[in-house]
Amino acid sequence: MTDSTGIDPEDSKIITLARSARARNGVPEGAAVRDETGRTYVAGTVELDSLKLSALQTAVAMAVASGARSLEAAAVVTTADSPAPADRAAVRDLGGPDTPVLLAGPDGTLKSTTSAG
């Protein structure tokens, strides 16, 4: 089922969560992933001297650390024009090549959906 914007409500939810993480933490990107049970994991960009992770890599790591075995979908809110190859690889590692990666702008508007492939 999709809403009036053509986005599945569960996908819209992870975009909203990702957007909130970006705004709340004042980071370049926010991300959220949904695991095989419907649980969501939300993260922002991590930039320490010794550790640099994109928001999507951080969200995937949080899912793995919490026991997720697969992903249903991933979303990243960013000013970039496409998901970074390393982000897609992280999603693919846990969710498989067909896992959708939703890319939204800072206003939450969906710009594209690609597979993690």
C-alpha atoms as a PDB file:
ATOM      1  CA  MET A   1       0.000   0.000   0.000  1.00  0.00           C
ATOM      2  CA  THR A   2       1.251   3.499  -0.805  1.00  0.00           C
ATOM      3  CA  ASP A   3       0.177   6.937   0.345  1.00  0.00           C
ATOM      4  CA  SER A   4      -0.762   9.912  -1.847  1.00  0.00           C
ATOM      5  CA  THR A   5       2.910  10.587  -2.615  1.00  0.00           C
ATOM      6  CA  GLY A   6       3.382   7.046  -3.928  1.00  0.00           C
ATOM      7  CA  ILE A   7       5.659   6.060  -1.041  1.00  0.00           C
ATOM      8  CA  ASP A   8       4.917   3.078   1.169  1.00  0.00           C
ATOM      9  CA  PRO A   9       4.073   4.370   4.679  1.00  0.00           C
ATOM     10  CA  GLU A  10       6.861   2.272   6.226  1.00  0.00           C
ATOM     11  CA  ASP A  11       9.358   3.776   3.785  1.00  0.00           C
ATOM     12  CA  SER A  12       8.028   7.255   4.520  1.00  0.00           C
ATOM     13  CA  LYS A  13       8.583   6.529   8.230  1.00  0.00           C
ATOM     14  CA  ILE A  14      12.281   5.722   7.801  1.00  0.00           C
ATOM     15  CA  ILE A  15      12.780   8.845   5.674  1.00  0.00           C
ATOM     16  CA  THR A  16      11.179  10.914   8.453  1.00  0.00           C
ATOM     17  CA  LEU A  17      13.368   9.232  11.082  1.00  0.00           C
ATOM     18  CA  ALA A  18      16.499   9.849   8.999  1.00  0.00           C
ATOM     19  CA  ARG A  19      15.560  13.486   8.467  1.00  0.00           C
ATOM     20  CA  SER A  20      15.000  13.924  12.197  1.00  0.00           C
ATOM     21  CA  ALA A  21      18.391  12.418  13.056  1.00  0.00           C
ATOM     22  CA  ARG A  22      20.126  14.767  10.618  1.00  0.00           C
ATOM     23  CA  ALA A  23      18.392  17.848  12.016  1.00  0.00           C
ATOM     24  CA  ARG A  24      18.617  16.872  15.687  1.00  0.00           C
ATOM     25  CA  ASN A  25      22.339  16.120  15.554  1.00  0.00           C
ATOM     26  CA  GLY A  26      23.337  18.854  13.094  1.00  0.00           C
ATOM     27  CA  VAL A  27      25.190  16.361  10.898  1.00  0.00           C
ATOM     28  CA  PRO A  28      25.553  16.208   7.109  1.00  0.00           C
ATOM     29  CA  GLU A  29      23.470  13.032   6.784  1.00  0.00           C
ATOM     30  CA  GLY A  30      20.793  11.149   8.657  1.00  0.00           C
ATOM     31  CA  ALA A  31      19.854   7.547   7.958  1.00  0.00           C
ATOM     32  CA  ALA A  32      17.470   4.852   9.069  1.00  0.00           C
ATOM     33  CA  VAL A  33      17.170   1.174   8.254  1.00  0.00           C
ATOM     34  CA  ARG A  34      14.332  -1.301   8.834  1.00  0.00           C
ATOM     35  CA  ASP A  35      15.210  -4.892   9.676  1.00  0.00           C
ATOM     36  CA  GLU A  36      13.403  -8.127   8.859  1.00  0.00           C
ATOM     37  CA  THR A  37      11.202  -7.794  11.960  1.00  0.00           C
ATOM     38  CA  GLY A  38      10.192  -4.185  11.251  1.00  0.00           C
ATOM     39  CA  ARG A  39      12.489  -2.657  13.884  1.00  0.00           C
ATOM     40  CA  THR A  40      14.173   0.582  12.870  1.00  0.00           C
ATOM     41  CA  TYR A  41      17.658   1.885  13.597  1.00  0.00           C
ATOM     42  CA  VAL A  42      18.421   5.581  13.202  1.00  0.00           C
ATOM     43  CA  ALA A  43      21.810   7.293  13.001  1.00  0.00           C
ATOM     44  CA  GLY A  44      23.710  10.353  11.911  1.00  0.00           C
ATOM     45  CA  THR A  45      27.158  10.833  10.448  1.00  0.00           C
ATOM     46  CA  VAL A  46      30.040   9.926  12.809  1.00  0.00           C
ATOM     47  CA  GLU A  47      33.190  12.030  12.442  1.00  0.00           C
ATOM     48  CA  LEU A  48      35.829  11.406  15.078  1.00  0.00           C
ATOM     49  CA  ASP A  49      39.578  11.661  14.655  1.00  0.00           C
ATOM     50  CA  SER A  50      39.817   7.859  14.791  1.00  0.00           C
ATOM     51  CA  LEU A  51      36.466   6.844  13.257  1.00  0.00           C
ATOM     52  CA  LYS A  52      34.523   8.124  10.276  1.00  0.00           C
ATOM     53  CA  LEU A  53      31.231   6.500   9.279  1.00  0.00           C
ATOM     54  CA  SER A  54      28.444   7.742   7.086  1.00  0.00           C
ATOM     55  CA  ALA A  55      24.997   7.874   8.616  1.00  0.00           C
ATOM     56  CA  LEU A  56      23.903   4.811   6.647  1.00  0.00           C
ATOM     57  CA  GLN A  57      26.973   2.801   7.658  1.00  0.00           C
ATOM     58  CA  THR A  58      26.274   3.735  11.287  1.00  0.00           C
ATOM     59  CA  ALA A  59      22.606   2.702  11.030  1.00  0.00           C
ATOM     60  CA  VAL A  60      23.588  -0.648   9.498  1.00  0.00           C
ATOM     61  CA  ALA A  61      26.192  -1.177  12.233  1.00  0.00           C
ATOM     62  CA  MET A  62      23.552  -0.435  14.882  1.00  0.00           C
ATOM     63  CA  ALA A  63      21.210  -2.986  13.301  1.00  0.00           C
ATOM     64  CA  VAL A  64      23.934  -5.646  13.248  1.00  0.00           C
ATOM     65  CA  ALA A  65      24.948  -4.881  16.827  1.00  0.00           C
ATOM     66  CA  SER A  66      21.302  -5.290  17.871  1.00  0.00           C
ATOM     67  CA  GLY A  67      20.979  -8.711  16.263  1.00  0.00           C
ATOM     68  CA  ALA A  68      19.315  -7.914  12.936  1.00  0.00           C
ATOM     69  CA  ARG A  69      19.775 -10.669  10.385  1.00  0.00           C
ATOM     70  CA  SER A  70      18.524  -8.817   7.309  1.00  0.00           C
ATOM     71  CA  LEU A  71      17.205  -5.455   6.124  1.00  0.00           C
ATOM     72  CA  GLU A  72      13.938  -4.651   4.398  1.00  0.00           C
ATOM     73  CA  ALA A  73      14.873  -1.074   3.424  1.00  0.00           C
ATOM     74  CA  ALA A  74      17.282   1.769   4.067  1.00  0.00           C
ATOM     75  CA  ALA A  75      16.934   5.537   3.787  1.00  0.00           C
ATOM     76  CA  VAL A  76      19.455   8.345   3.797  1.00  0.00           C
ATOM     77  CA  VAL A  77      18.734  12.075   3.954  1.00  0.00           C
ATOM     78  CA  THR A  78      21.523  14.086   2.373  1.00  0.00           C
ATOM     79  CA  THR A  79      22.381  16.785  -0.120  1.00  0.00           C
ATOM     80  CA  ALA A  80      24.223  14.205  -2.268  1.00  0.00           C
ATOM     81  CA  ASP A  81      22.793  13.184  -5.636  1.00  0.00           C
ATOM     82  CA  SER A  82      23.147   9.450  -5.038  1.00  0.00           C
ATOM     83  CA  PRO A  83      23.948   7.024  -2.235  1.00  0.00           C
ATOM     84  CA  ALA A  84      27.677   6.508  -1.804  1.00  0.00           C
ATOM     85  CA  PRO A  85      29.015   3.156  -3.034  1.00  0.00           C
ATOM     86  CA  ALA A  86      30.217   2.315   0.500  1.00  0.00           C
ATOM     87  CA  ASP A  87      26.702   2.975   1.837  1.00  0.00           C
ATOM     88  CA  ARG A  88      25.113   0.687  -0.733  1.00  0.00           C
ATOM     89  CA  ALA A  89      27.731  -1.965   0.074  1.00  0.00           C
ATOM     90  CA  ALA A  90      26.914  -1.831   3.800  1.00  0.00           C
ATOM     91  CA  VAL A  91      23.197  -2.250   3.063  1.00  0.00           C
ATOM     92  CA  ARG A  92      23.955  -5.075   0.606  1.00  0.00           C
ATOM     93  CA  ASP A  93      26.117  -6.891   3.179  1.00  0.00           C
ATOM     94  CA  LEU A  94      23.184  -7.196   5.571  1.00  0.00           C
ATOM     95  CA  GLY A  95      20.123  -6.954   3.349  1.00  0.00           C
ATOM     96  CA  GLY A  96      21.242  -8.386   0.028  1.00  0.00           C
ATOM     97  CA  PRO A  97      21.494  -6.800  -3.417  1.00  0.00           C
ATOM     98  CA  ASP A  98      17.753  -6.179  -3.840  1.00  0.00           C
ATOM     99  CA  THR A  99      17.336  -4.115  -0.659  1.00  0.00           C
ATOM    100  CA  PRO A 100      15.951  -0.697  -1.614  1.00  0.00           C
ATOM    101  CA  VAL A 101      17.994   2.365  -0.664  1.00  0.00           C
ATOM    102  CA  LEU A 102      15.849   5.492  -0.555  1.00  0.00           C
ATOM    103  CA  LEU A 103      17.619   8.812  -1.080  1.00  0.00           C
ATOM    104  CA  ALA A 104      15.857  11.924   0.173  1.00  0.00           C
ATOM    105  CA  GLY A 105      16.805  15.570   0.274  1.00  0.00           C
ATOM    106  CA  PRO A 106      17.042  17.605   3.477  1.00  0.00           C
ATOM    107  CA  ASP A 107      13.353  18.511   3.173  1.00  0.00           C
ATOM    108  CA  GLY A 108      12.436  14.811   3.209  1.00  0.00           C
ATOM    109  CA  THR A 109      11.447  14.674  -0.457  1.00  0.00           C
ATOM    110  CA  LEU A 110      12.303  11.324  -2.022  1.00  0.00           C
ATOM    111  CA  LYS A 111      14.823  11.905  -4.828  1.00  0.00           C
ATOM    112  CA  SER A 112      15.488   8.306  -5.861  1.00  0.00           C
ATOM    113  CA  THR A 113      15.246   4.655  -4.927  1.00  0.00           C
ATOM    114  CA  THR A 114      18.015   2.277  -5.946  1.00  0.00           C
ATOM    115  CA  SER A 115      18.879  -1.264  -5.023  1.00  0.00           C
ATOM    116  CA  ALA A 116      21.829  -1.994  -2.770  1.00  0.00           C
ATOM    117  CA  GLY A 117      23.057  -4.234  -5.607  1.00  0.00           C
END
